[in-house]
Amino acid sequence: MAGGYKELEAGAGYLKNIDPLVDDAQDGITQDDFDDAEVQARARIDAVLAPLYTVSTWTASPPPLVAVIADKLASAKILTNKFARDSGGNSLLAEILEKEAQEFLDMIRDGRMAVVTSAGTLVASRAYRTPVVDNG
């Protein structure tokens, strides 16, 4: 991983239609694009979850849900980059991935979804966590 919670792979997962990586961004998606997307996804996750959890302990092995969120966010960024460079295509998948990831983050933040380890145990939250109440 290049500083993210999920390492992206061209031609796999949500990026199954992404061509092999190239050296020049003018020719397509590069490893730098992947690295940047992974780092941005982690930064966004940490911004939401760091007040609730000790995210610094997740570097080597993030909880599976965090890896899923990171995959969705980073993949959405790559797909958005691809469509911006190709000046065409359908960015619907990128929008769906972004929305799903944000919904997961919102549910975790609001206490409606738990973060669980790969062993199935709850990740301990910080003692001062308080759920957000929707008065609307």
Foldseek 3Di string as FASTA:
>chain_A
DLQALEQDDALDDLNVVADDADDDVLVAHHVVLRSVLRNVQRVVLCVLCVQWAVCVVPRVPHFPLSNLLSCLRSSLSRLVSRCVSVVDDDSVSSVVSPVVSVVVSLCVLQVNDFGAHPVGHTHHIDPPRDHDDDPD
